[in-house]
Amino acid sequence: MRDQSYAVKTTQIRLAKRSPEYWRVTIDNPPLNIFGPEMLPQVNEIITAIETDEQVKVVVFDSAVEGFFLIHLDFLANLDELAHLPPGPTGLHPWTEMLVRLSCSSVVSIALIRGRATGMGSELALACDMRFASREKAILSQFEVGAGLVPGGGPMARLSRLMGRGRALEVILSADDVSGELAELYGYVNRSLPDADLDRFVDDLATRIASFHKQTIADTKRLVNVASLPPDIEIESGWNACVASMGRPAAQQRIKTLIERGFCKPGDAENRLGDFVGQP
C-alpha cells in the first residue's frame, strides 16, 4: 500500500496516510527520540488531525529512530515553562490532556514499539488503545521514581487497570527496564512478537480494522472506554504530584547525578537506563 503525503509538516513527527482510513504517525527525533518542549505543539497538531478527520479509523504510532520508540523529557532543556503551561479546556495540563484525547478519540490507536519506550514514550503507548512490541528489541519503563520523580502522564492509573496493583507497583517503583516478553506477560502490551513479524502483524491488523464501519468502531470503543479508562481526576492528580516532585532537592540532585553519568545523551546511560537509575 503506497503512502500518501499529508499536509501536516512538523520537524520531529511525521503524519502519513496509508489510506484515507489508516494513518501512520512516525516519531523521528534522532539520535534518541527524546521528548523536547518543541514537540508538544506537534503532538497537539497530530491529535487534532485525528479528532477532526471524517475518514480516518486507525492510526499507528511508530519510530524512525533505531533503538528508540520515544523516551522521556529532555532534562537538558528548560522544563519550567513546559511544566507550568496553562491547562487545556478540560483543566488538565496539555500533555496529559492530549493523552486523554487520544484515548477518548473515536479513532483506534495502536503503538508499534521497537526500541525503548521510556517515561513519556511509555505514557504515549499506554494512552493508545493497543500496544504491540518487538520481542527482541522493545524495552518499556517508567523510570521516574529512580530519578526522584513521580510519573506525570498517568501510568499509575493506566497500568493498575492493565496489569493489577502489585505488578503496576513493581513496574513503577522498581523504575527498571521491562523487556517486550515480560511486558506481554504482565499485560503492559497486548503481544510481543518476533521482530521480523512485528510490522506485518500491526499493518495487517490496522488494515483489517480500517475496513470496518467507522461508526460501529467508534460506538464499540466508546463503550469499552466507559468500562476501562481512568477518570480525569486520577490523571490530574498524577501530573500535580509530578510537578511537585520536580521541585524537591532530592529529585534535582538525582537528575544532576544522572546527567553527569550521561543521561539525555547517546550512550550507555540511555541504552541501560534501568541499570543507571538503580545506582546510588
Protein backbone atom coordinates (compact mmCIF):
# COMPACT_ATOMS: atom_id res chain seq x y z
CA MET A 1 0.00 0.00 0.00
CA ARG A 2 1.53 3.31 -1.06
CA ASP A 3 1.85 6.15 1.45
CA GLN A 4 0.25 9.46 0.52
CA SER A 5 1.78 12.69 1.81
CA TYR A 6 -0.29 14.64 4.30
CA ALA A 7 -0.47 18.37 4.90
CA VAL A 8 0.86 18.36 8.47
CA LYS A 9 4.51 19.45 8.30
CA THR A 10 6.43 19.04 11.55
CA THR A 11 10.06 18.65 12.48
CA GLN A 12 10.13 15.58 14.71
CA ILE A 13 6.77 13.95 13.96
CA ARG A 14 5.57 12.81 10.55
CA LEU A 15 1.98 12.01 9.69
CA ALA A 16 1.36 9.93 6.56
CA LYS A 17 -1.74 8.27 5.15
CA ARG A 18 -1.52 4.63 4.17
CA SER A 19 -5.10 5.21 3.04
CA PRO A 20 -7.78 7.75 3.98
CA GLU A 21 -8.84 5.33 6.75
CA TYR A 22 -5.41 4.22 8.01
CA TRP A 23 -2.70 6.65 9.13
CA ARG A 24 0.84 6.31 10.43
CA VAL A 25 2.45 8.73 12.89
CA THR A 26 6.23 8.35 12.93
CA ILE A 27 8.44 9.87 15.63
CA ASP A 28 11.75 10.96 14.15
CA ASN A 29 13.93 12.94 16.55
CA PRO A 30 17.39 11.31 16.36
CA PRO A 31 19.52 10.19 18.00
CA LEU A 32 17.31 9.26 20.99
CA ASN A 33 13.72 10.26 20.17
CA ILE A 34 13.90 12.33 23.33
CA PHE A 35 10.85 14.50 24.04
CA GLY A 36 11.73 18.20 23.82
CA PRO A 37 9.29 21.02 24.66
CA GLU A 38 9.04 21.90 20.96
CA MET A 39 7.33 18.58 20.32
CA LEU A 40 4.29 19.37 22.46
CA PRO A 41 2.52 21.54 19.83
CA GLN A 42 3.42 18.95 17.20
CA VAL A 43 1.63 16.25 19.20
CA ASN A 44 -1.35 18.57 19.60
CA GLU A 45 -1.46 19.09 15.84
CA ILE A 46 -1.45 15.33 15.28
CA ILE A 47 -4.18 14.65 17.87
CA THR A 48 -6.33 17.44 16.46
CA ALA A 49 -5.99 15.98 12.95
CA ILE A 50 -7.03 12.56 14.27
CA GLU A 51 -10.05 14.04 16.06
CA THR A 52 -11.32 16.15 13.18
CA ASP A 53 -10.79 13.99 10.09
CA GLU A 54 -14.02 12.37 8.94
CA GLN A 55 -12.46 9.30 7.31
CA VAL A 56 -9.61 8.05 9.46
CA LYS A 57 -10.40 4.96 11.54
CA VAL A 58 -7.00 3.67 12.68
CA VAL A 59 -3.70 5.38 13.50
CA VAL A 60 -0.42 3.57 14.22
CA PHE A 61 2.39 5.28 16.16
CA ASP A 62 5.90 4.09 15.34
CA SER A 63 9.50 5.31 15.23
CA ALA A 64 12.10 6.03 12.58
CA VAL A 65 14.98 6.03 15.08
CA GLU A 66 16.82 2.76 15.63
CA GLY A 67 16.62 1.61 19.24
CA PHE A 68 14.12 4.21 20.45
CA PHE A 69 10.32 4.45 20.19
CA LEU A 70 10.05 7.62 22.31
CA ILE A 71 11.76 8.39 25.60
CA HIS A 72 11.49 10.88 28.43
CA LEU A 73 11.64 14.64 28.64
CA ASP A 74 14.85 16.37 27.63
CA PHE A 75 16.12 17.35 31.06
CA LEU A 76 18.84 19.46 29.43
CA ALA A 77 16.12 21.83 28.17
CA ASN A 78 14.29 24.48 30.19
CA LEU A 79 11.42 22.46 31.62
CA ASP A 80 9.91 25.03 33.96
CA GLU A 81 7.84 26.63 31.22
CA LEU A 82 6.64 23.22 30.00
CA ALA A 83 5.70 22.08 33.49
CA HIS A 84 3.62 25.17 34.16
CA LEU A 85 1.78 25.61 30.87
CA PRO A 86 -1.83 26.76 31.33
CA PRO A 87 -4.33 23.90 31.39
CA GLY A 88 -6.42 22.96 28.39
CA PRO A 89 -10.24 23.08 28.19
CA THR A 90 -10.63 20.06 30.48
CA GLY A 91 -8.42 21.58 33.17
CA LEU A 92 -5.61 19.09 32.54
CA HIS A 93 -2.04 20.02 31.61
CA PRO A 94 -1.65 19.97 27.79
CA TRP A 95 0.45 16.76 27.79
CA THR A 96 -1.97 14.76 29.90
CA GLU A 97 -4.93 16.26 28.07
CA MET A 98 -3.53 15.13 24.71
CA LEU A 99 -3.13 11.59 26.05
CA VAL A 100 -6.72 11.61 27.33
CA ARG A 101 -7.95 12.96 23.99
CA LEU A 102 -6.14 10.17 22.16
CA SER A 103 -7.68 7.51 24.41
CA CYS A 104 -11.16 9.02 24.10
CA SER A 105 -10.96 9.61 20.35
CA SER A 106 -13.29 7.55 18.18
CA VAL A 107 -10.22 6.53 16.14
CA VAL A 108 -8.40 3.31 17.10
CA SER A 109 -4.79 3.97 18.13
CA ILE A 110 -2.01 1.37 18.07
CA ALA A 111 1.56 1.69 19.36
CA LEU A 112 4.17 -0.30 17.42
CA ILE A 113 7.05 -0.45 19.88
CA ARG A 114 10.53 -1.24 18.64
CA GLY A 115 13.26 0.12 20.88
CA ARG A 116 12.92 1.99 24.15
CA ALA A 117 9.57 3.44 25.28
CA THR A 118 10.66 5.26 28.42
CA GLY A 119 8.75 7.80 30.51
CA MET A 120 6.67 9.83 28.08
CA GLY A 121 7.13 7.13 25.44
CA SER A 122 5.58 4.60 27.78
CA GLU A 123 2.81 7.07 28.61
CA LEU A 124 2.01 7.62 24.93
CA ALA A 125 1.91 3.86 24.37
CA LEU A 126 -0.37 3.41 27.39
CA ALA A 127 -2.75 6.08 26.05
CA CYS A 128 -3.07 4.11 22.81
CA ASP A 129 -5.82 1.51 22.56
CA MET A 130 -3.39 -1.32 21.78
CA ARG A 131 0.34 -1.91 22.09
CA PHE A 132 2.46 -4.41 20.17
CA ALA A 133 6.15 -4.84 20.91
CA SER A 134 9.24 -6.35 19.35
CA ARG A 135 10.16 -9.37 21.45
CA GLU A 136 13.86 -8.79 20.90
CA LYS A 137 14.10 -5.00 20.70
CA ALA A 138 11.33 -3.39 22.79
CA ILE A 139 12.09 -2.01 26.25
CA LEU A 140 9.38 -0.23 28.25
CA SER A 141 9.83 1.61 31.52
CA GLN A 142 8.58 4.25 33.87
CA PHE A 143 12.00 5.26 35.17
CA GLU A 144 10.89 8.37 37.06
CA VAL A 145 10.90 7.09 40.66
CA GLY A 146 14.57 6.21 40.21
CA ALA A 147 15.18 9.87 39.35
CA GLY A 148 13.26 11.12 42.38
CA LEU A 149 10.16 11.98 40.36
CA VAL A 150 6.53 10.92 40.32
CA PRO A 151 5.49 9.88 36.77
CA GLY A 152 3.27 12.60 35.30
CA GLY A 153 1.41 11.13 32.33
CA GLY A 154 -0.96 8.76 34.08
CA PRO A 155 0.87 5.39 34.29
CA MET A 156 -0.31 4.80 37.86
CA ALA A 157 -3.93 4.98 36.71
CA ARG A 158 -3.44 3.12 33.44
CA LEU A 159 -1.02 0.37 34.46
CA SER A 160 -3.09 -0.55 37.52
CA ARG A 161 -6.03 -1.25 35.24
CA LEU A 162 -3.94 -3.20 32.74
CA MET A 163 -1.86 -5.43 34.99
CA GLY A 164 -3.22 -5.13 38.52
CA ARG A 165 -1.98 -3.28 41.58
CA GLY A 166 1.01 -5.43 42.50
CA ARG A 167 2.56 -5.58 39.06
CA ALA A 168 1.89 -1.88 38.45
CA LEU A 169 3.71 -1.02 41.67
CA GLU A 170 6.57 -3.34 40.71
CA VAL A 171 6.99 -1.69 37.31
CA ILE A 172 6.71 1.89 38.55
CA LEU A 173 8.55 1.66 41.88
CA SER A 174 11.40 -0.51 40.55
CA ALA A 175 11.94 2.07 37.75
CA ASP A 176 13.54 -0.79 35.86
CA ASP A 177 13.55 -1.80 32.20
CA VAL A 178 10.82 -4.21 31.10
CA SER A 179 11.54 -6.40 28.09
CA GLY A 180 8.98 -6.95 25.37
CA GLU A 181 8.49 -10.54 26.50
CA LEU A 182 7.88 -9.60 30.15
CA ALA A 183 5.68 -6.68 29.07
CA GLU A 184 3.40 -9.16 27.32
CA LEU A 185 3.31 -11.47 30.37
CA TYR A 186 2.38 -8.55 32.66
CA GLY A 187 -0.18 -7.00 30.32
CA TYR A 188 1.89 -3.88 29.62
CA VAL A 189 1.44 -4.68 25.90
CA ASN A 190 -1.11 -6.77 24.02
CA ARG A 191 1.52 -9.02 22.49
CA SER A 192 5.24 -9.20 21.91
CA LEU A 193 6.12 -10.63 18.53
CA PRO A 194 9.35 -11.69 16.84
CA ASP A 195 10.87 -8.50 15.46
CA ALA A 196 10.72 -9.82 11.90
CA ASP A 197 6.95 -10.31 12.22
CA LEU A 198 6.01 -7.11 14.06
CA ASP A 199 5.48 -4.72 11.14
CA ARG A 200 3.41 -7.15 9.10
CA PHE A 201 1.23 -8.08 12.08
CA VAL A 202 0.45 -4.46 13.01
CA ASP A 203 -0.12 -3.44 9.40
CA ASP A 204 -2.49 -6.36 8.80
CA LEU A 205 -4.43 -5.63 11.99
CA ALA A 206 -4.70 -1.90 11.25
CA THR A 207 -5.78 -2.58 7.66
CA ARG A 208 -8.40 -5.08 8.86
CA ILE A 209 -9.90 -2.70 11.42
CA ALA A 210 -9.81 0.16 8.91
CA SER A 211 -12.00 -1.89 6.57
CA PHE A 212 -14.87 -1.94 9.08
CA HIS A 213 -17.66 0.63 9.52
CA LYS A 214 -16.42 3.81 11.22
CA GLN A 215 -19.46 4.43 13.43
CA THR A 216 -19.52 0.82 14.58
CA ILE A 217 -15.84 1.08 15.57
CA ALA A 218 -16.49 4.37 17.39
CA ASP A 219 -19.52 3.08 19.30
CA THR A 220 -17.71 -0.08 20.37
CA LYS A 221 -14.62 1.81 21.53
CA ARG A 222 -16.77 4.31 23.46
CA LEU A 223 -18.39 1.50 25.44
CA VAL A 224 -15.03 -0.14 26.19
CA ASN A 225 -13.77 3.27 27.34
CA VAL A 226 -16.64 3.57 29.81
CA ALA A 227 -15.61 0.27 31.37
CA SER A 228 -11.84 0.76 31.38
CA LEU A 229 -10.48 4.32 31.20
CA PRO A 230 -9.46 6.15 34.39
CA PRO A 231 -11.34 9.35 35.25
CA ASP A 232 -9.57 12.63 34.53
CA ILE A 233 -9.08 13.33 38.26
CA GLU A 234 -6.66 10.40 38.52
CA ILE A 235 -4.61 11.73 35.59
CA GLU A 236 -4.65 15.26 37.02
CA SER A 237 -3.51 14.07 40.45
CA GLY A 238 -0.57 12.26 38.90
CA TRP A 239 0.54 15.32 36.96
CA ASN A 240 0.28 17.57 40.03
CA ALA A 241 2.39 15.10 42.02
CA CYS A 242 4.95 15.03 39.20
CA VAL A 243 5.31 18.81 39.13
CA ALA A 244 5.63 18.93 42.92
CA SER A 245 8.34 16.26 42.84
CA MET A 246 10.38 18.22 40.27
CA GLY A 247 10.99 20.97 42.82
CA ARG A 248 12.34 18.70 45.54
CA PRO A 249 16.09 18.87 46.25
CA ALA A 250 16.29 15.06 46.21
CA ALA A 251 14.96 14.92 42.65
CA GLN A 252 17.16 17.76 41.47
CA GLN A 253 20.25 16.08 42.91
CA ARG A 254 19.27 12.71 41.48
CA ILE A 255 18.74 14.16 37.99
CA LYS A 256 22.03 16.11 38.24
CA THR A 257 23.85 12.87 39.04
CA LEU A 258 22.19 11.04 36.16
CA ILE A 259 23.13 13.83 33.74
CA GLU A 260 26.74 13.62 34.92
CA ARG A 261 26.60 9.89 34.09
CA GLY A 262 25.34 10.54 30.56
CA PHE A 263 21.55 10.88 30.94
CA CYS A 264 19.81 12.58 27.97
CA LYS A 265 22.77 11.89 25.69
CA PRO A 266 23.56 8.98 23.35
CA GLY A 267 25.40 6.26 25.17
CA ASP A 268 25.25 3.67 27.90
CA ALA A 269 23.10 5.67 30.34
CA GLU A 270 20.18 5.81 27.92
CA ASN A 271 20.78 2.33 26.49
CA ARG A 272 20.67 0.84 30.02
CA LEU A 273 18.64 3.43 31.90
CA GLY A 274 17.14 0.88 34.26
CA ASP A 275 20.62 -0.05 35.48
CA PHE A 276 21.70 3.57 35.85
CA VAL A 277 18.71 4.78 37.89
CA GLY A 278 19.26 1.83 40.23
CA GLN A 279 22.76 3.01 41.14
CA PRO A 280 23.27 5.15 44.27
